[in-house]
Amino acid sequence: MAFTLMSEAFDDGSDIPQTYTFDGDNISPPLAWSGVPASAKSLVLIVDDPDAPDPAAPQRVWTHWLLYNIPPDAAFLQEGVKPVDLPPGTREGLNDWKRTGYGGPRPPIGKHRYFHKLYALDSVLPNLGNATRSEVEKAMKGHVIEQAQLIGLYEQR
């Protein structure tokens, strides 16, 4: 079975509904996955925008959400998940607003792509605290077994 990431809120390559953006309720979309490799010890979720600030001239990848040490037997994150409702053992990293938690799309210009990437790791990461994306990626290096991806699109109204 292929490692897949999906959302009941939007299909891969389609528009993210406004409720999951700064223009709406700014809550995280429901996410579900299947086909986690049997050898996985933990999962990492990174949601980012590689089109910041302008898709015609991107300058950086903007991190919107970062979770690590998600247990491999977890199968979903509910819509608008709160820290207390994350699967046991899940740790939150910092997004590029320098805070934990989900920060929805808020593109200043044009239609942006929002990559929801789920990584299966062959280890549990050490407690990195409220780590940055680069710190989590450094700790993941050499431990990624497989990756699943879901892309949503959004243009501010």
Protein backbone atom coordinates (compact mmCIF):
# COMPACT_ATOMS: atom_id res chain seq x y z
CA MET A 1 0.00 0.00 0.00
CA ALA A 2 1.38 3.41 -0.98
CA PHE A 3 2.07 6.00 1.70
CA THR A 4 -0.56 8.69 1.03
CA LEU A 5 -1.70 11.94 2.61
CA MET A 6 -5.17 13.35 1.96
CA SER A 7 -7.77 15.79 3.22
CA GLU A 8 -11.54 15.63 3.05
CA ALA A 9 -11.45 19.45 2.72
CA PHE A 10 -9.58 19.61 -0.62
CA ASP A 11 -8.06 17.35 -3.26
CA ASP A 12 -4.41 17.31 -4.26
CA GLY A 13 -3.74 20.25 -6.58
CA SER A 14 -7.03 22.00 -5.82
CA ASP A 15 -7.93 25.17 -3.91
CA ILE A 16 -7.81 25.21 -0.12
CA PRO A 17 -11.20 26.36 1.26
CA GLN A 18 -11.12 29.85 2.78
CA THR A 19 -11.97 28.59 6.28
CA TYR A 20 -8.41 27.17 6.57
CA THR A 21 -6.78 30.52 5.73
CA PHE A 22 -6.18 33.89 7.41
CA ASP A 23 -9.11 35.17 5.33
CA GLY A 24 -11.35 32.63 7.08
CA ASP A 25 -11.20 30.89 10.46
CA ASN A 26 -7.45 30.10 10.18
CA ILE A 27 -7.92 26.55 11.44
CA SER A 28 -5.95 23.54 10.27
CA PRO A 29 -7.59 21.35 7.65
CA PRO A 30 -8.42 17.75 8.46
CA LEU A 31 -5.59 15.49 7.32
CA ALA A 32 -5.53 11.70 7.08
CA TRP A 33 -2.90 9.25 5.89
CA SER A 34 -2.50 5.59 5.12
CA GLY A 35 0.22 3.15 4.12
CA VAL A 36 2.69 4.19 6.83
CA PRO A 37 5.74 1.92 6.39
CA ALA A 38 5.84 -0.89 8.97
CA SER A 39 9.37 0.14 9.99
CA ALA A 40 8.35 3.74 10.80
CA LYS A 41 9.00 4.85 14.37
CA SER A 42 7.61 8.39 14.00
CA LEU A 43 6.14 10.86 11.51
CA VAL A 44 6.92 14.51 10.77
CA LEU A 45 4.47 16.96 9.20
CA ILE A 46 5.72 20.11 7.48
CA VAL A 47 3.31 22.49 5.76
CA ASP A 48 5.05 25.15 3.70
CA ASP A 49 4.73 27.66 0.87
CA PRO A 50 7.66 27.68 -1.59
CA ASP A 51 6.18 30.66 -3.47
CA ALA A 52 6.76 33.37 -0.83
CA PRO A 53 6.34 36.20 -1.20
CA ASP A 54 5.44 36.24 -4.92
CA PRO A 55 5.06 33.10 -7.08
CA ALA A 56 6.56 35.04 -10.02
CA ALA A 57 9.72 35.73 -7.97
CA PRO A 58 9.86 33.42 -4.92
CA GLN A 59 12.46 34.35 -2.32
CA ARG A 60 11.95 31.79 0.43
CA VAL A 61 10.00 28.80 1.65
CA TRP A 62 7.55 29.89 4.38
CA THR A 63 6.74 27.31 7.06
CA HIS A 64 3.08 27.29 8.14
CA TRP A 65 3.01 24.26 10.45
CA LEU A 66 5.55 21.87 11.92
CA LEU A 67 4.84 18.74 13.95
CA TYR A 68 7.31 15.98 14.80
CA ASN A 69 7.30 12.67 16.66
CA ILE A 70 3.76 11.91 15.53
CA PRO A 71 3.24 8.24 16.47
CA PRO A 72 3.24 5.97 13.41
CA ASP A 73 -0.05 4.37 14.46
CA ALA A 74 -1.86 7.74 14.29
CA ALA A 75 -3.93 7.99 11.11
CA PHE A 76 -5.26 11.55 11.09
CA LEU A 77 -5.34 15.07 12.48
CA GLN A 78 -8.81 16.48 12.97
CA GLU A 79 -9.90 19.84 11.59
CA GLY A 80 -8.73 22.70 13.82
CA VAL A 81 -6.71 20.32 16.00
CA LYS A 82 -5.61 21.88 19.28
CA PRO A 83 -2.29 21.01 20.97
CA VAL A 84 -4.07 19.02 23.67
CA ASP A 85 -5.73 16.87 20.97
CA LEU A 86 -2.55 15.99 19.06
CA PRO A 87 -1.63 12.29 19.11
CA PRO A 88 0.28 11.42 22.32
CA GLY A 89 3.99 12.18 22.05
CA THR A 90 3.60 14.63 19.15
CA ARG A 91 5.81 17.71 19.47
CA GLU A 92 5.22 21.13 17.92
CA GLY A 93 7.91 23.07 16.14
CA LEU A 94 7.91 26.75 15.26
CA ASN A 95 6.33 28.12 12.11
CA ASP A 96 7.79 31.19 10.40
CA TRP A 97 5.65 33.49 12.57
CA LYS A 98 7.93 32.24 15.39
CA ARG A 99 5.11 30.41 17.17
CA THR A 100 3.80 26.88 17.43
CA GLY A 101 0.58 25.77 15.82
CA TYR A 102 -1.00 26.12 12.43
CA GLY A 103 -0.86 29.38 10.50
CA GLY A 104 -2.99 29.29 7.39
CA PRO A 105 -2.34 30.69 3.93
CA ARG A 106 -2.03 34.47 3.63
CA PRO A 107 -0.28 35.14 0.32
CA PRO A 108 0.45 38.83 -0.34
CA ILE A 109 0.18 38.40 -4.12
CA GLY A 110 -0.81 35.68 -6.57
CA LYS A 111 -1.84 32.05 -6.19
CA HIS A 112 0.51 30.10 -3.95
CA ARG A 113 1.10 26.38 -3.51
CA TYR A 114 0.90 24.93 -0.01
CA PHE A 115 2.79 21.66 0.38
CA HIS A 116 1.62 19.35 3.16
CA LYS A 117 4.50 16.88 3.56
CA LEU A 118 4.38 13.85 5.81
CA TYR A 119 7.63 12.00 6.43
CA ALA A 120 7.95 8.49 7.87
CA LEU A 121 11.14 8.14 9.93
CA ASP A 122 13.04 5.09 11.14
CA SER A 123 13.53 6.74 14.54
CA VAL A 124 11.89 8.97 17.11
CA LEU A 125 13.56 12.38 17.17
CA PRO A 126 14.98 13.70 20.44
CA ASN A 127 12.94 16.36 22.19
CA LEU A 128 14.00 19.42 20.21
CA GLY A 129 11.59 21.70 22.07
CA ASN A 130 9.92 24.33 19.91
CA ALA A 131 12.39 23.65 17.12
CA THR A 132 12.65 25.49 13.84
CA ARG A 133 12.15 23.74 10.54
CA SER A 134 15.90 23.64 9.88
CA GLU A 135 16.52 22.02 13.29
CA VAL A 136 13.89 19.34 12.64
CA GLU A 137 15.19 18.73 9.10
CA LYS A 138 18.73 18.38 10.44
CA ALA A 139 17.55 15.82 13.02
CA MET A 140 15.58 13.94 10.30
CA LYS A 141 18.59 13.65 8.00
CA GLY A 142 19.33 10.02 7.21
CA HIS A 143 16.13 8.80 8.91
CA VAL A 144 13.46 9.38 6.23
CA ILE A 145 11.99 6.10 4.99
CA GLU A 146 9.21 7.51 2.85
CA GLN A 147 7.32 10.75 2.13
CA ALA A 148 3.69 11.51 1.27
CA GLN A 149 2.53 14.86 -0.06
CA LEU A 150 -0.66 16.86 -0.58
CA ILE A 151 -0.63 20.22 -2.37
CA GLY A 152 -3.32 22.85 -1.92
CA LEU A 153 -3.58 26.19 -3.71
CA TYR A 154 -4.74 29.57 -2.40
CA GLU A 155 -4.98 33.13 -3.63
CA GLN A 156 -6.07 35.87 -1.25
CA ARG A 157 -9.45 37.36 -2.12
